[in-house]
Amino acid sequence: MSASLPKNNPLDSSAIMSTLENKSKSEDRNSQNWQEAMMGYERGYSESTSRTYDMPLNSYDPTVGAYRNSDQPTEILNTDDNAQQR
């Protein structure tokens, strides 16, 4: 009786492709964040209107710890990368 060994299938690269896709997404986010920092703004996302705003860094409101929506000053913009699709 011979033991059955797993076959190496070089055409099954789904794990490699998934890893590369995740790496690419991470690099894209880092590149976007770097660009925002160099240009002096941060992206803010309005959950009520689904609109993205480019907020100058000096418009940060430290009393609420976030950026306010310039169209609706009572709304706080979300700057979390996961809250929006870029």
N, C-alpha and C. Protein backbone atom coordinates (compact mmCIF):
# COMPACT_ATOMS: atom_id res chain seq x y z
N MET A 1 0.84 -1.18 0.00
CA MET A 1 0.00 0.00 0.00
C MET A 1 0.89 1.25 0.00
N SER A 2 0.62 2.08 -0.95
CA SER A 2 1.39 3.32 -1.02
C SER A 2 0.54 4.48 -0.50
N ALA A 3 1.20 5.39 0.18
CA ALA A 3 0.50 6.55 0.73
C ALA A 3 0.17 7.52 -0.40
N SER A 4 -0.97 8.12 -0.31
CA SER A 4 -1.40 9.09 -1.31
C SER A 4 -0.86 10.46 -0.93
N LEU A 5 -0.04 11.02 -1.79
CA LEU A 5 0.56 12.32 -1.55
C LEU A 5 -0.25 13.40 -2.28
N PRO A 6 -0.35 14.58 -1.70
CA PRO A 6 -1.06 15.66 -2.39
C PRO A 6 -0.31 16.04 -3.67
N LYS A 7 -1.07 16.35 -4.67
CA LYS A 7 -0.49 16.73 -5.94
C LYS A 7 -0.23 18.24 -5.97
N ASN A 8 0.91 18.60 -6.50
CA ASN A 8 1.24 20.00 -6.67
C ASN A 8 0.62 20.46 -7.98
N ASN A 9 -0.31 21.38 -7.89
CA ASN A 9 -0.99 21.86 -9.08
C ASN A 9 -0.58 23.32 -9.33
N PRO A 10 0.38 23.55 -10.23
CA PRO A 10 0.85 24.91 -10.46
C PRO A 10 -0.21 25.83 -11.07
N LEU A 11 -1.26 25.27 -11.63
CA LEU A 11 -2.31 26.08 -12.24
C LEU A 11 -3.30 26.61 -11.21
N ASP A 12 -3.27 26.04 -10.00
CA ASP A 12 -4.17 26.50 -8.94
C ASP A 12 -3.45 27.58 -8.14
N SER A 13 -3.58 28.80 -8.59
CA SER A 13 -2.87 29.90 -7.96
C SER A 13 -3.84 30.85 -7.26
N SER A 14 -4.99 30.35 -6.83
CA SER A 14 -5.99 31.23 -6.22
C SER A 14 -5.48 31.88 -4.94
N ALA A 15 -4.71 31.14 -4.14
CA ALA A 15 -4.18 31.71 -2.90
C ALA A 15 -3.17 32.81 -3.20
N ILE A 16 -2.34 32.59 -4.20
CA ILE A 16 -1.33 33.58 -4.58
C ILE A 16 -2.02 34.82 -5.14
N MET A 17 -3.01 34.64 -5.99
CA MET A 17 -3.72 35.77 -6.58
C MET A 17 -4.46 36.57 -5.52
N SER A 18 -5.05 35.89 -4.57
CA SER A 18 -5.76 36.57 -3.48
C SER A 18 -4.79 37.40 -2.64
N THR A 19 -3.63 36.86 -2.36
CA THR A 19 -2.61 37.57 -1.59
C THR A 19 -2.14 38.81 -2.35
N LEU A 20 -1.89 38.67 -3.64
CA LEU A 20 -1.44 39.80 -4.44
C LEU A 20 -2.52 40.88 -4.56
N GLU A 21 -3.78 40.46 -4.65
CA GLU A 21 -4.89 41.41 -4.73
C GLU A 21 -4.99 42.22 -3.43
N ASN A 22 -4.88 41.53 -2.29
CA ASN A 22 -4.93 42.22 -1.00
C ASN A 22 -3.74 43.17 -0.84
N LYS A 23 -2.58 42.75 -1.28
CA LYS A 23 -1.39 43.60 -1.21
C LYS A 23 -1.58 44.84 -2.06
N SER A 24 -2.14 44.67 -3.24
CA SER A 24 -2.38 45.79 -4.13
C SER A 24 -3.37 46.79 -3.52
N LYS A 25 -4.43 46.29 -2.89
CA LYS A 25 -5.41 47.17 -2.25
C LYS A 25 -4.75 47.96 -1.12
N SER A 26 -3.91 47.30 -0.35
CA SER A 26 -3.22 47.96 0.75
C SER A 26 -2.28 49.04 0.22
N GLU A 27 -1.54 48.73 -0.83
CA GLU A 27 -0.63 49.71 -1.41
C GLU A 27 -1.40 50.90 -1.99
N ASP A 28 -2.57 50.64 -2.57
CA ASP A 28 -3.40 51.73 -3.11
C ASP A 28 -3.86 52.66 -1.99
N ARG A 29 -4.30 52.08 -0.86
CA ARG A 29 -4.73 52.90 0.27
C ARG A 29 -3.57 53.73 0.81
N ASN A 30 -2.41 53.11 0.95
CA ASN A 30 -1.24 53.85 1.44
C ASN A 30 -0.84 54.97 0.49
N SER A 31 -0.91 54.72 -0.80
CA SER A 31 -0.58 55.73 -1.79
C SER A 31 -1.56 56.89 -1.72
N GLN A 32 -2.84 56.58 -1.58
CA GLN A 32 -3.87 57.62 -1.48
C GLN A 32 -3.66 58.46 -0.22
N ASN A 33 -3.40 57.81 0.90
CA ASN A 33 -3.16 58.53 2.15
C ASN A 33 -1.92 59.41 2.06
N TRP A 34 -0.87 58.92 1.42
CA TRP A 34 0.35 59.71 1.24
C TRP A 34 0.07 60.93 0.38
N GLN A 35 -0.68 60.74 -0.70
CA GLN A 35 -1.02 61.86 -1.59
C GLN A 35 -1.82 62.91 -0.83
N GLU A 36 -2.81 62.47 -0.05
CA GLU A 36 -3.62 63.40 0.72
C GLU A 36 -2.75 64.21 1.69
N ALA A 37 -1.83 63.54 2.37
CA ALA A 37 -0.96 64.22 3.32
C ALA A 37 -0.06 65.24 2.63
N MET A 38 0.48 64.88 1.50
CA MET A 38 1.37 65.78 0.77
C MET A 38 0.61 66.98 0.19
N MET A 39 -0.63 66.76 -0.20
CA MET A 39 -1.43 67.83 -0.79
C MET A 39 -2.14 68.66 0.28
N GLY A 40 -2.11 68.21 1.53
CA GLY A 40 -2.69 68.99 2.62
C GLY A 40 -4.18 68.82 2.81
N TYR A 41 -4.69 67.65 2.48
CA TYR A 41 -6.11 67.40 2.70
C TYR A 41 -6.34 65.97 3.12
N GLU A 42 -7.54 65.71 3.62
CA GLU A 42 -7.95 64.36 3.97
C GLU A 42 -9.35 64.15 3.42
N ARG A 43 -9.62 62.96 2.96
CA ARG A 43 -10.95 62.67 2.42
C ARG A 43 -11.93 62.42 3.55
N GLY A 44 -13.07 63.05 3.43
CA GLY A 44 -14.15 62.82 4.38
C GLY A 44 -15.34 62.27 3.62
N TYR A 45 -16.07 61.38 4.24
CA TYR A 45 -17.19 60.71 3.59
C TYR A 45 -18.47 60.98 4.36
N SER A 46 -19.47 61.50 3.67
CA SER A 46 -20.77 61.76 4.27
C SER A 46 -21.63 60.52 4.12
N GLU A 47 -22.00 59.92 5.24
CA GLU A 47 -22.85 58.73 5.18
C GLU A 47 -24.28 59.07 4.80
N SER A 48 -24.72 60.31 5.08
CA SER A 48 -26.10 60.68 4.76
C SER A 48 -26.30 60.97 3.28
N THR A 49 -25.25 61.49 2.62
CA THR A 49 -25.38 61.81 1.20
C THR A 49 -24.55 60.90 0.30
N SER A 50 -23.71 60.07 0.90
CA SER A 50 -22.78 59.19 0.16
C SER A 50 -21.82 59.99 -0.70
N ARG A 51 -21.52 61.20 -0.28
CA ARG A 51 -20.62 62.07 -1.04
C ARG A 51 -19.26 62.11 -0.35
N THR A 52 -18.21 62.20 -1.16
CA THR A 52 -16.85 62.30 -0.65
C THR A 52 -16.38 63.75 -0.75
N TYR A 53 -15.77 64.24 0.33
CA TYR A 53 -15.27 65.61 0.38
C TYR A 53 -13.75 65.57 0.56
N ASP A 54 -13.06 66.51 -0.07
CA ASP A 54 -11.63 66.70 0.17
C ASP A 54 -11.51 67.85 1.16
N MET A 55 -11.20 67.51 2.41
CA MET A 55 -11.17 68.48 3.49
C MET A 55 -9.73 68.95 3.74
N PRO A 56 -9.49 70.28 3.68
CA PRO A 56 -8.15 70.78 4.02
C PRO A 56 -7.82 70.41 5.46
N LEU A 57 -6.56 70.09 5.71
CA LEU A 57 -6.16 69.67 7.05
C LEU A 57 -6.44 70.73 8.10
N ASN A 58 -6.42 72.00 7.72
CA ASN A 58 -6.68 73.05 8.69
C ASN A 58 -8.16 73.23 9.01
N SER A 59 -9.04 72.45 8.36
CA SER A 59 -10.47 72.53 8.67
C SER A 59 -10.89 71.48 9.71
N TYR A 60 -9.91 70.77 10.26
CA TYR A 60 -10.18 69.77 11.30
C TYR A 60 -10.74 70.47 12.54
N ASP A 61 -11.80 69.91 13.12
CA ASP A 61 -12.43 70.49 14.31
C ASP A 61 -12.03 69.67 15.53
N PRO A 62 -11.08 70.16 16.32
CA PRO A 62 -10.62 69.37 17.47
C PRO A 62 -11.68 69.23 18.57
N THR A 63 -12.70 70.09 18.56
CA THR A 63 -13.74 69.97 19.60
C THR A 63 -14.58 68.71 19.42
N VAL A 64 -14.66 68.20 18.19
CA VAL A 64 -15.39 66.95 17.95
C VAL A 64 -14.45 65.83 17.53
N GLY A 65 -13.19 66.16 17.27
CA GLY A 65 -12.21 65.15 16.88
C GLY A 65 -12.41 64.64 15.47
N ALA A 66 -12.92 65.49 14.58
CA ALA A 66 -13.19 65.07 13.21
C ALA A 66 -13.41 66.29 12.33
N TYR A 67 -13.75 66.04 11.09
CA TYR A 67 -14.10 67.10 10.14
C TYR A 67 -15.61 67.22 10.08
N ARG A 68 -16.07 68.45 9.95
CA ARG A 68 -17.51 68.69 9.78
C ARG A 68 -17.82 68.82 8.29
N ASN A 69 -19.02 68.41 7.91
CA ASN A 69 -19.49 68.56 6.55
C ASN A 69 -19.71 70.05 6.30
N SER A 70 -19.07 70.61 5.28
CA SER A 70 -19.20 72.04 5.01
C SER A 70 -20.60 72.40 4.52
N ASP A 71 -21.33 71.44 3.93
CA ASP A 71 -22.70 71.69 3.47
C ASP A 71 -23.71 71.55 4.61
N GLN A 72 -23.40 70.68 5.58
CA GLN A 72 -24.27 70.44 6.73
C GLN A 72 -23.39 70.43 7.98
N PRO A 73 -23.13 71.58 8.58
CA PRO A 73 -22.16 71.69 9.67
C PRO A 73 -22.45 70.81 10.89
N THR A 74 -23.65 70.31 11.03
CA THR A 74 -23.94 69.44 12.17
C THR A 74 -23.50 68.00 11.90
N GLU A 75 -23.20 67.68 10.65
CA GLU A 75 -22.78 66.31 10.30
C GLU A 75 -21.27 66.18 10.42
N ILE A 76 -20.85 65.08 11.04
CA ILE A 76 -19.42 64.76 11.16
C ILE A 76 -19.07 63.81 10.02
N LEU A 77 -18.00 64.13 9.30
CA LEU A 77 -17.58 63.28 8.18
C LEU A 77 -16.74 62.11 8.68
N ASN A 78 -16.95 60.98 8.06
CA ASN A 78 -16.20 59.78 8.39
C ASN A 78 -14.94 59.74 7.53
N THR A 79 -13.79 59.57 8.16
CA THR A 79 -12.53 59.49 7.41
C THR A 79 -11.95 58.08 7.44
N ASP A 80 -12.72 57.12 7.90
CA ASP A 80 -12.27 55.74 7.97
C ASP A 80 -12.22 55.16 6.57
N ASP A 81 -11.07 54.58 6.19
CA ASP A 81 -10.91 53.99 4.84
C ASP A 81 -11.93 52.90 4.54
N ASN A 82 -12.38 52.20 5.55
CA ASN A 82 -13.30 51.09 5.34
C ASN A 82 -14.73 51.55 5.15
N ALA A 83 -15.02 52.80 5.40
CA ALA A 83 -16.40 53.28 5.31
C ALA A 83 -16.77 53.68 3.89
N GLN A 84 -15.83 53.66 2.99
CA GLN A 84 -16.10 54.13 1.64
C GLN A 84 -15.39 53.28 0.62
N GLN A 85 -15.88 53.33 -0.57
CA GLN A 85 -15.23 52.66 -1.70
C GLN A 85 -14.44 53.71 -2.45
N ARG A 86 -13.16 53.47 -2.65
CA ARG A 86 -12.33 54.42 -3.38
C ARG A 86 -12.10 53.93 -4.77
